């Protein structure tokens, strides 16, 4: 399951994960009891969290990626993809 920079997987399914939004290596909390959905039984899982998930630029890129999935226009999608790449390049080179 994905929650804007936080991912839960079955316990031991992945040794490491990179964030789908920004590509950063995520921290992991191993073997946590968690309900995957309301009313379901708790299961063992690993929770991966991007260190940048609460940053405004990260939320912006996540929103653009979600918007792009539903965009019917290839040319507009290309503009959005360019904006995503520019944002990530700026953040990477900022420090």
PDB file of N, CA and C in Angstrom:
ATOM      1  N   UNK A   1       0.840  -1.185   0.000  1.00  0.00           N
ATOM      2  CA  UNK A   1       0.000   0.000   0.000  1.00  0.00           C
ATOM      3  C   UNK A   1       0.880   1.243   0.000  1.00  0.00           C
ATOM      4  N   UNK A   2       0.406   2.276  -0.659  1.00  0.00           N
ATOM      5  CA  UNK A   2       1.182   3.500  -0.789  1.00  0.00           C
ATOM      6  C   UNK A   2       0.410   4.652  -0.146  1.00  0.00           C
ATOM      7  N   UNK A   3       1.123   5.430   0.640  1.00  0.00           N
ATOM      8  CA  UNK A   3       0.525   6.596   1.289  1.00  0.00           C
ATOM      9  C   UNK A   3       1.430   7.803   1.107  1.00  0.00           C
ATOM     10  N   UNK A   4       1.541   8.372  -0.088  1.00  0.00           N
ATOM     11  CA  UNK A   4       2.307   9.589  -0.336  1.00  0.00           C
ATOM     12  C   UNK A   4       3.691   9.634   0.293  1.00  0.00           C
ATOM     13  N   UNK A   5       4.558   8.735  -0.097  1.00  0.00           N
ATOM     14  CA  UNK A   5       5.915   8.698   0.443  1.00  0.00           C
ATOM     15  C   UNK A   5       6.098   7.674   1.540  1.00  0.00           C
ATOM     16  N   UNK A   6       5.038   6.935   1.835  1.00  0.00           N
ATOM     17  CA  UNK A   6       5.146   5.853   2.812  1.00  0.00           C
ATOM     18  C   UNK A   6       4.509   4.610   2.191  1.00  0.00           C
ATOM     19  N   UNK A   7       5.201   3.494   2.309  1.00  0.00           N
ATOM     20  CA  UNK A   7       4.782   2.251   1.668  1.00  0.00           C
ATOM     21  C   UNK A   7       4.807   1.132   2.694  1.00  0.00           C
ATOM     22  N   UNK A   8       3.815   0.261   2.667  1.00  0.00           N
ATOM     23  CA  UNK A   8       3.863  -0.918   3.517  1.00  0.00           C
ATOM     24  C   UNK A   8       3.865  -2.152   2.623  1.00  0.00           C
ATOM     25  N   UNK A   9       4.682  -3.119   3.003  1.00  0.00           N
ATOM     26  CA  UNK A   9       4.810  -4.362   2.252  1.00  0.00           C
ATOM     27  C   UNK A   9       4.721  -5.516   3.229  1.00  0.00           C
ATOM     28  N   UNK A  10       4.516  -6.714   2.723  1.00  0.00           N
ATOM     29  CA  UNK A  10       4.564  -7.883   3.588  1.00  0.00           C
ATOM     30  C   UNK A  10       5.940  -7.952   4.239  1.00  0.00           C
ATOM     31  N   UNK A  11       5.984  -8.390   5.468  1.00  0.00           N
ATOM     32  CA  UNK A  11       7.239  -8.464   6.215  1.00  0.00           C
ATOM     33  C   UNK A  11       8.280  -9.264   5.424  1.00  0.00           C
ATOM     34  N   UNK A  12       9.451  -8.689   5.252  1.00  0.00           N
ATOM     35  CA  UNK A  12      10.555  -9.354   4.572  1.00  0.00           C
ATOM     36  C   UNK A  12      10.465  -9.390   3.065  1.00  0.00           C
ATOM     37  N   UNK A  13       9.438  -8.793   2.477  1.00  0.00           N
ATOM     38  CA  UNK A  13       9.263  -8.827   1.019  1.00  0.00           C
ATOM     39  C   UNK A  13      10.374  -8.066   0.290  1.00  0.00           C
ATOM     40  N   UNK A  14      10.822  -6.932   0.871  1.00  0.00           N
ATOM     41  CA  UNK A  14      11.868  -6.110   0.255  1.00  0.00           C
ATOM     42  C   UNK A  14      12.970  -5.826   1.274  1.00  0.00           C
ATOM     43  N   UNK A  15      14.212  -5.873   0.820  1.00  0.00           N
ATOM     44  CA  UNK A  15      15.325  -5.489   1.694  1.00  0.00           C
ATOM     45  C   UNK A  15      15.429  -3.973   1.777  1.00  0.00           C
ATOM     46  N   UNK A  16      15.187  -3.308   0.660  1.00  0.00           N
ATOM     47  CA  UNK A  16      15.225  -1.850   0.612  1.00  0.00           C
ATOM     48  C   UNK A  16      14.278  -1.387  -0.489  1.00  0.00           C
ATOM     49  N   UNK A  17      13.923  -0.101  -0.448  1.00  0.00           N
ATOM     50  CA  UNK A  17      13.066   0.485  -1.469  1.00  0.00           C
ATOM     51  C   UNK A  17      13.489   1.920  -1.707  1.00  0.00           C
ATOM     52  N   UNK A  18      13.293   2.373  -2.935  1.00  0.00           N
ATOM     53  CA  UNK A  18      13.472   3.780  -3.271  1.00  0.00           C
ATOM     54  C   UNK A  18      12.097   4.397  -3.459  1.00  0.00           C
ATOM     55  N   UNK A  19      11.978   5.653  -3.106  1.00  0.00           N
ATOM     56  CA  UNK A  19      10.713   6.366  -3.208  1.00  0.00           C
ATOM     57  C   UNK A  19      10.286   6.494  -4.669  1.00  0.00           C
ATOM     58  N   UNK A  20       9.039   6.177  -4.949  1.00  0.00           N
ATOM     59  CA  UNK A  20       8.504   6.319  -6.306  1.00  0.00           C
ATOM     60  C   UNK A  20       8.361   7.783  -6.707  1.00  0.00           C
ATOM     61  N   UNK A  21       8.320   8.670  -5.735  1.00  0.00           N
ATOM     62  CA  UNK A  21       8.144  10.093  -6.035  1.00  0.00           C
ATOM     63  C   UNK A  21       9.474  10.741  -6.397  1.00  0.00           C
ATOM     64  N   UNK A  22      10.486  10.553  -5.521  1.00  0.00           N
ATOM     65  CA  UNK A  22      11.741  11.293  -5.723  1.00  0.00           C
ATOM     66  C   UNK A  22      12.965  10.406  -5.946  1.00  0.00           C
ATOM     67  N   UNK A  23      12.828   9.107  -5.769  1.00  0.00           N
ATOM     68  CA  UNK A  23      13.932   8.195  -6.015  1.00  0.00           C
ATOM     69  C   UNK A  23      14.883   8.010  -4.847  1.00  0.00           C
ATOM     70  N   UNK A  24      14.650   8.700  -3.732  1.00  0.00           N
ATOM     71  CA  UNK A  24      15.522   8.582  -2.558  1.00  0.00           C
ATOM     72  C   UNK A  24      15.364   7.218  -1.896  1.00  0.00           C
ATOM     73  N   UNK A  25      16.449   6.760  -1.281  1.00  0.00           N
ATOM     74  CA  UNK A  25      16.405   5.534  -0.496  1.00  0.00           C
ATOM     75  C   UNK A  25      15.542   5.792   0.739  1.00  0.00           C
ATOM     76  N   UNK A  26      14.622   4.876   1.033  1.00  0.00           N
ATOM     77  CA  UNK A  26      13.699   5.085   2.141  1.00  0.00           C
ATOM     78  C   UNK A  26      14.157   4.345   3.392  1.00  0.00           C
ATOM     79  N   UNK A  27      13.809   4.909   4.553  1.00  0.00           N
ATOM     80  CA  UNK A  27      14.076   4.227   5.817  1.00  0.00           C
ATOM     81  C   UNK A  27      12.998   3.155   5.997  1.00  0.00           C
ATOM     82  N   UNK A  28      13.306   2.155   6.827  1.00  0.00           N
ATOM     83  CA  UNK A  28      12.362   1.058   7.005  1.00  0.00           C
ATOM     84  C   UNK A  28      12.175   0.746   8.477  1.00  0.00           C
ATOM     85  N   UNK A  29      10.932   0.508   8.846  1.00  0.00           N
ATOM     86  CA  UNK A  29      10.576   0.007  10.165  1.00  0.00           C
ATOM     87  C   UNK A  29      10.108  -1.426   9.947  1.00  0.00           C
ATOM     88  N   UNK A  30      10.861  -2.370  10.445  1.00  0.00           N
ATOM     89  CA  UNK A  30      10.620  -3.787  10.145  1.00  0.00           C
ATOM     90  C   UNK A  30       9.612  -4.430  11.092  1.00  0.00           C
ATOM     91  N   UNK A  31       8.843  -5.327  10.538  1.00  0.00           N
ATOM     92  CA  UNK A  31       7.910  -6.212  11.224  1.00  0.00           C
ATOM     93  C   UNK A  31       7.021  -5.458  12.214  1.00  0.00           C
ATOM     94  N   UNK A  32       6.061  -4.760  11.637  1.00  0.00           N
ATOM     95  CA  UNK A  32       5.083  -3.983  12.375  1.00  0.00           C
ATOM     96  C   UNK A  32       3.725  -4.642  12.200  1.00  0.00           C
ATOM     97  N   UNK A  33       2.945  -4.699  13.273  1.00  0.00           N
ATOM     98  CA  UNK A  33       1.561  -5.190  13.150  1.00  0.00           C
ATOM     99  C   UNK A  33       0.716  -4.028  12.633  1.00  0.00           C
ATOM    100  N   UNK A  34       0.015  -4.244  11.519  1.00  0.00           N
ATOM    101  CA  UNK A  34      -0.762  -3.162  10.920  1.00  0.00           C
ATOM    102  C   UNK A  34      -1.956  -3.723  10.170  1.00  0.00           C
ATOM    103  N   UNK A  35      -3.049  -3.016  10.226  1.00  0.00           N
ATOM    104  CA  UNK A  35      -4.226  -3.372   9.428  1.00  0.00           C
ATOM    105  C   UNK A  35      -4.029  -2.790   8.035  1.00  0.00           C
ATOM    106  N   UNK A  36      -4.190  -3.596   7.002  1.00  0.00           N
ATOM    107  CA  UNK A  36      -4.018  -3.120   5.633  1.00  0.00           C
ATOM    108  C   UNK A  36      -5.225  -2.317   5.163  1.00  0.00           C
ATOM    109  N   UNK A  37      -6.391  -2.566   5.771  1.00  0.00           N
ATOM    110  CA  UNK A  37      -7.586  -1.795   5.451  1.00  0.00           C
ATOM    111  C   UNK A  37      -8.530  -1.859   6.647  1.00  0.00           C
ATOM    112  N   UNK A  38      -9.481  -0.961   6.669  1.00  0.00           N
ATOM    113  CA  UNK A  38     -10.436  -0.918   7.779  1.00  0.00           C
ATOM    114  C   UNK A  38     -11.176  -2.248   7.888  1.00  0.00           C
ATOM    115  N   UNK A  39     -11.199  -2.781   9.094  1.00  0.00           N
ATOM    116  CA  UNK A  39     -11.917  -4.027   9.341  1.00  0.00           C
ATOM    117  C   UNK A  39     -11.117  -5.282   9.074  1.00  0.00           C
ATOM    118  N   UNK A  40      -9.925  -5.153   8.506  1.00  0.00           N
ATOM    119  CA  UNK A  40      -9.118  -6.343   8.219  1.00  0.00           C
ATOM    120  C   UNK A  40      -8.333  -6.757   9.463  1.00  0.00           C
ATOM    121  N   UNK A  41      -7.872  -7.974   9.455  1.00  0.00           N
ATOM    122  CA  UNK A  41      -7.051  -8.481  10.545  1.00  0.00           C
ATOM    123  C   UNK A  41      -5.656  -7.854  10.463  1.00  0.00           C
ATOM    124  N   UNK A  42      -5.038  -7.546  11.605  1.00  0.00           N
ATOM    125  CA  UNK A  42      -3.667  -7.033  11.571  1.00  0.00           C
ATOM    126  C   UNK A  42      -2.714  -8.080  10.981  1.00  0.00           C
ATOM    127  N   UNK A  43      -1.764  -7.612  10.192  1.00  0.00           N
ATOM    128  CA  UNK A  43      -0.769  -8.499   9.609  1.00  0.00           C
ATOM    129  C   UNK A  43       0.621  -7.916   9.874  1.00  0.00           C
ATOM    130  N   UNK A  44       1.630  -8.768   9.746  1.00  0.00           N
ATOM    131  CA  UNK A  44       3.011  -8.310   9.890  1.00  0.00           C
ATOM    132  C   UNK A  44       3.436  -7.637   8.598  1.00  0.00           C
ATOM    133  N   UNK A  45       4.034  -6.478   8.711  1.00  0.00           N
ATOM    134  CA  UNK A  45       4.490  -5.780   7.516  1.00  0.00           C
ATOM    135  C   UNK A  45       5.726  -4.942   7.838  1.00  0.00           C
ATOM    136  N   UNK A  46       6.372  -4.479   6.794  1.00  0.00           N
ATOM    137  CA  UNK A  46       7.471  -3.538   6.896  1.00  0.00           C
ATOM    138  C   UNK A  46       6.950  -2.204   6.359  1.00  0.00           C
ATOM    139  N   UNK A  47       7.312  -1.116   7.026  1.00  0.00           N
ATOM    140  CA  UNK A  47       6.869   0.207   6.589  1.00  0.00           C
ATOM    141  C   UNK A  47       8.086   1.004   6.128  1.00  0.00           C
ATOM    142  N   UNK A  48       8.066   1.383   4.859  1.00  0.00           N
ATOM    143  CA  UNK A  48       9.138   2.180   4.260  1.00  0.00           C
ATOM    144  C   UNK A  48       8.654   3.622   4.172  1.00  0.00           C
ATOM    145  N   UNK A  49       9.509   4.562   4.591  1.00  0.00           N
ATOM    146  CA  UNK A  49       9.129   5.971   4.616  1.00  0.00           C
ATOM    147  C   UNK A  49      10.210   6.822   3.959  1.00  0.00           C
ATOM    148  N   UNK A  50       9.792   7.695   3.062  1.00  0.00           N
ATOM    149  CA  UNK A  50      10.716   8.640   2.435  1.00  0.00           C
ATOM    150  C   UNK A  50      10.993   9.775   3.413  1.00  0.00           C
ATOM    151  N   UNK A  51      12.256  10.110   3.564  1.00  0.00           N
ATOM    152  CA  UNK A  51      12.629  11.183   4.489  1.00  0.00           C
ATOM    153  C   UNK A  51      12.095  12.543   4.053  1.00  0.00           C
ATOM    154  N   UNK A  52      11.694  12.658   2.805  1.00  0.00           N
ATOM    155  CA  UNK A  52      11.218  13.930   2.273  1.00  0.00           C
ATOM    156  C   UNK A  52       9.701  14.013   2.131  1.00  0.00           C
ATOM    157  N   UNK A  53       8.962  13.001   2.579  1.00  0.00           N
ATOM    158  CA  UNK A  53       7.531  12.918   2.298  1.00  0.00           C
ATOM    159  C   UNK A  53       6.719  14.109   2.790  1.00  0.00           C
ATOM    160  N   UNK A  54       7.207  14.814   3.807  1.00  0.00           N
ATOM    161  CA  UNK A  54       6.483  15.970   4.327  1.00  0.00           C
ATOM    162  C   UNK A  54       6.942  17.295   3.732  1.00  0.00           C
ATOM    163  N   UNK A  55       7.940  17.259   2.866  1.00  0.00           N
ATOM    164  CA  UNK A  55       8.431  18.475   2.209  1.00  0.00           C
ATOM    165  C   UNK A  55       7.436  18.917   1.133  1.00  0.00           C
ATOM    166  N   UNK A  56       7.260  20.211   0.995  1.00  0.00           N
ATOM    167  CA  UNK A  56       6.297  20.745   0.024  1.00  0.00           C
ATOM    168  C   UNK A  56       6.636  20.327  -1.410  1.00  0.00           C
ATOM    169  N   UNK A  57       7.913  20.355  -1.778  1.00  0.00           N
ATOM    170  CA  UNK A  57       8.293  19.975  -3.139  1.00  0.00           C
ATOM    171  C   UNK A  57       7.953  18.515  -3.413  1.00  0.00           C
ATOM    172  N   UNK A  58       8.078  17.655  -2.397  1.00  0.00           N
ATOM    173  CA  UNK A  58       7.777  16.223  -2.545  1.00  0.00           C
ATOM    174  C   UNK A  58       6.278  16.031  -2.790  1.00  0.00           C
ATOM    175  N   UNK A  59       5.480  16.747  -2.031  1.00  0.00           N
ATOM    176  CA  UNK A  59       4.022  16.681  -2.213  1.00  0.00           C
ATOM    177  C   UNK A  59       3.638  17.184  -3.603  1.00  0.00           C
ATOM    178  N   UNK A  60       4.301  18.248  -4.046  1.00  0.00           N
ATOM    179  CA  UNK A  60       4.032  18.822  -5.367  1.00  0.00           C
ATOM    180  C   UNK A  60       4.350  17.808  -6.480  1.00  0.00           C
ATOM    181  N   UNK A  61       5.512  17.172  -6.389  1.00  0.00           N
ATOM    182  CA  UNK A  61       5.894  16.171  -7.398  1.00  0.00           C
ATOM    183  C   UNK A  61       4.924  14.992  -7.359  1.00  0.00           C
ATOM    184  N   UNK A  62       4.538  14.541  -6.176  1.00  0.00           N
ATOM    185  CA  UNK A  62       3.588  13.439  -6.039  1.00  0.00           C
ATOM    186  C   UNK A  62       2.257  13.798  -6.701  1.00  0.00           C
ATOM    187  N   UNK A  63       1.770  15.008  -6.459  1.00  0.00           N
ATOM    188  CA  UNK A  63       0.511  15.454  -7.072  1.00  0.00           C
ATOM    189  C   UNK A  63       0.616  15.503  -8.593  1.00  0.00           C
ATOM    190  N   UNK A  64       1.749  16.006  -9.094  1.00  0.00           N
ATOM    191  CA  UNK A  64       1.931  16.062 -10.546  1.00  0.00           C
ATOM    192  C   UNK A  64       1.968  14.664 -11.148  1.00  0.00           C
ATOM    193  N   UNK A  65       2.637  13.718 -10.477  1.00  0.00           N
ATOM    194  CA  UNK A  65       2.691  12.344 -10.977  1.00  0.00           C
ATOM    195  C   UNK A  65       1.297  11.723 -10.999  1.00  0.00           C
ATOM    196  N   UNK A  66       0.500  11.976  -9.960  1.00  0.00           N
ATOM    197  CA  UNK A  66      -0.865  11.451  -9.918  1.00  0.00           C
ATOM    198  C   UNK A  66      -1.722  12.087 -11.016  1.00  0.00           C
ATOM    199  N   UNK A  67      -1.586  13.391 -11.205  1.00  0.00           N
ATOM    200  CA  UNK A  67      -2.348  14.093 -12.224  1.00  0.00           C
ATOM    201  C   UNK A  67      -2.000  13.571 -13.619  1.00  0.00           C
ATOM    202  N   UNK A  68      -0.712  13.321 -13.827  1.00  0.00           N
ATOM    203  CA  UNK A  68      -0.235  12.865 -15.140  1.00  0.00           C
ATOM    204  C   UNK A  68      -0.846  11.511 -15.531  1.00  0.00           C
ATOM    205  N   UNK A  69      -1.128  10.668 -14.558  1.00  0.00           N
ATOM    206  CA  UNK A  69      -1.708   9.347 -14.834  1.00  0.00           C
ATOM    207  C   UNK A  69      -3.061   9.445 -15.527  1.00  0.00           C
ATOM    208  N   UNK A  70      -3.812  10.508 -15.215  1.00  0.00           N
ATOM    209  CA  UNK A  70      -5.156  10.674 -15.778  1.00  0.00           C
ATOM    210  C   UNK A  70      -5.206  11.655 -16.947  1.00  0.00           C
ATOM    211  N   UNK A  71      -4.069  12.183 -17.330  1.00  0.00           N
ATOM    212  CA  UNK A  71      -4.030  13.188 -18.395  1.00  0.00           C
ATOM    213  C   UNK A  71      -4.180  12.519 -19.768  1.00  0.00           C
ATOM    214  N   UNK A  72      -5.172  12.943 -20.552  1.00  0.00           N
ATOM    215  CA  UNK A  72      -5.378  12.321 -21.861  1.00  0.00           C
ATOM    216  C   UNK A  72      -4.475  12.867 -22.968  1.00  0.00           C
ATOM    217  N   UNK A  73      -3.776  13.958 -22.695  1.00  0.00           N
ATOM    218  CA  UNK A  73      -2.988  14.615 -23.741  1.00  0.00           C
ATOM    219  C   UNK A  73      -1.501  14.293 -23.609  1.00  0.00           C
ATOM    220  N   UNK A  74      -0.917  13.618 -24.604  1.00  0.00           N
ATOM    221  CA  UNK A  74       0.515  13.319 -24.557  1.00  0.00           C
ATOM    222  C   UNK A  74       1.391  14.574 -24.465  1.00  0.00           C
ATOM    223  N   UNK A  75       1.000  15.646 -25.135  1.00  0.00           N
ATOM    224  CA  UNK A  75       1.817  16.858 -25.097  1.00  0.00           C
ATOM    225  C   UNK A  75       1.773  17.519 -23.716  1.00  0.00           C
ATOM    226  N   UNK A  76       0.622  17.505 -23.079  1.00  0.00           N
ATOM    227  CA  UNK A  76       0.518  18.061 -21.725  1.00  0.00           C
ATOM    228  C   UNK A  76       1.268  17.169 -20.739  1.00  0.00           C
ATOM    229  N   UNK A  77       1.174  15.858 -20.918  1.00  0.00           N
ATOM    230  CA  UNK A  77       1.928  14.921 -20.074  1.00  0.00           C
ATOM    231  C   UNK A  77       3.427  15.177 -20.181  1.00  0.00           C
ATOM    232  N   UNK A  78       3.899  15.474 -21.370  1.00  0.00           N
ATOM    233  CA  UNK A  78       5.319  15.757 -21.573  1.00  0.00           C
ATOM    234  C   UNK A  78       5.727  17.032 -20.826  1.00  0.00           C
ATOM    235  N   UNK A  79       4.856  18.045 -20.826  1.00  0.00           N
ATOM    236  CA  UNK A  79       5.141  19.273 -20.085  1.00  0.00           C
ATOM    237  C   UNK A  79       5.209  18.998 -18.576  1.00  0.00           C
ATOM    238  N   UNK A  80       4.275  18.194 -18.095  1.00  0.00           N
ATOM    239  CA  UNK A  80       4.251  17.853 -16.667  1.00  0.00           C
ATOM    240  C   UNK A  80       5.493  17.042 -16.306  1.00  0.00           C
ATOM    241  N   UNK A  81       5.863  16.098 -17.151  1.00  0.00           N
ATOM    242  CA  UNK A  81       7.064  15.290 -16.914  1.00  0.00           C
ATOM    243  C   UNK A  81       8.307  16.173 -16.874  1.00  0.00           C
ATOM    244  N   UNK A  82       8.358  17.159 -17.743  1.00  0.00           N
ATOM    245  CA  UNK A  82       9.476  18.100 -17.752  1.00  0.00           C
ATOM    246  C   UNK A  82       9.519  18.908 -16.449  1.00  0.00           C
ATOM    247  N   UNK A  83       8.360  19.320 -15.964  1.00  0.00           N
ATOM    248  CA  UNK A  83       8.288  20.064 -14.707  1.00  0.00           C
ATOM    249  C   UNK A  83       8.732  19.188 -13.531  1.00  0.00           C
ATOM    250  N   UNK A  84       8.324  17.942 -13.537  1.00  0.00           N
ATOM    251  CA  UNK A  84       8.742  16.995 -12.491  1.00  0.00           C
ATOM    252  C   UNK A  84      10.267  16.857 -12.508  1.00  0.00           C
ATOM    253  N   UNK A  85      10.827  16.629 -13.683  1.00  0.00           N
ATOM    254  CA  UNK A  85      12.280  16.470 -13.813  1.00  0.00           C
ATOM    255  C   UNK A  85      13.016  17.729 -13.367  1.00  0.00           C
ATOM    256  N   UNK A  86      12.499  18.896 -13.744  1.00  0.00           N
ATOM    257  CA  UNK A  86      13.129  20.162 -13.347  1.00  0.00           C
ATOM    258  C   UNK A  86      13.101  20.334 -11.837  1.00  0.00           C
ATOM    259  N   UNK A  87      11.979  20.018 -11.217  1.00  0.00           N
ATOM    260  CA  UNK A  87      11.859  20.135  -9.761  1.00  0.00           C
ATOM    261  C   UNK A  87      12.849  19.212  -9.069  1.00  0.00           C
ATOM    262  N   UNK A  88      12.914  17.960  -9.493  1.00  0.00           N
ATOM    263  CA  UNK A  88      13.821  17.004  -8.855  1.00  0.00           C
ATOM    264  C   UNK A  88      15.290  17.370  -9.090  1.00  0.00           C
ATOM    265  N   UNK A  89      15.604  17.892 -10.283  1.00  0.00           N
ATOM    266  CA  UNK A  89      16.966  18.335 -10.567  1.00  0.00           C
ATOM    267  C   UNK A  89      17.337  19.513  -9.672  1.00  0.00           C
ATOM    268  N   UNK A  90      16.430  20.453  -9.516  1.00  0.00           N
ATOM    269  CA  UNK A  90      16.676  21.621  -8.659  1.00  0.00           C
ATOM    270  C   UNK A  90      16.918  21.184  -7.219  1.00  0.00           C
ATOM    271  N   UNK A  91      16.084  20.294  -6.701  1.00  0.00           N
ATOM    272  CA  UNK A  91      16.206  19.833  -5.314  1.00  0.00           C
ATOM    273  C   UNK A  91      17.526  19.084  -5.144  1.00  0.00           C
ATOM    274  N   UNK A  92      17.877  18.239  -6.099  1.00  0.00           N
ATOM    275  CA  UNK A  92      19.118  17.456  -6.027  1.00  0.00           C
ATOM    276  C   UNK A  92      20.348  18.363  -6.012  1.00  0.00           C
ATOM    277  N   UNK A  93      20.326  19.425  -6.806  1.00  0.00           N
ATOM    278  CA  UNK A  93      21.480  20.309  -6.932  1.00  0.00           C
ATOM    279  C   UNK A  93      21.484  21.471  -5.947  1.00  0.00           C
ATOM    280  N   UNK A  94      20.418  21.611  -5.168  1.00  0.00           N
ATOM    281  CA  UNK A  94      20.267  22.741  -4.255  1.00  0.00           C
ATOM    282  C   UNK A  94      21.322  22.746  -3.155  1.00  0.00           C
ATOM    283  N   UNK A  95      21.664  21.576  -2.654  1.00  0.00           N
ATOM    284  CA  UNK A  95      22.591  21.497  -1.509  1.00  0.00           C
ATOM    285  C   UNK A  95      24.002  21.566  -1.884  1.00  0.00           C
TER     286      UNK A  95
END
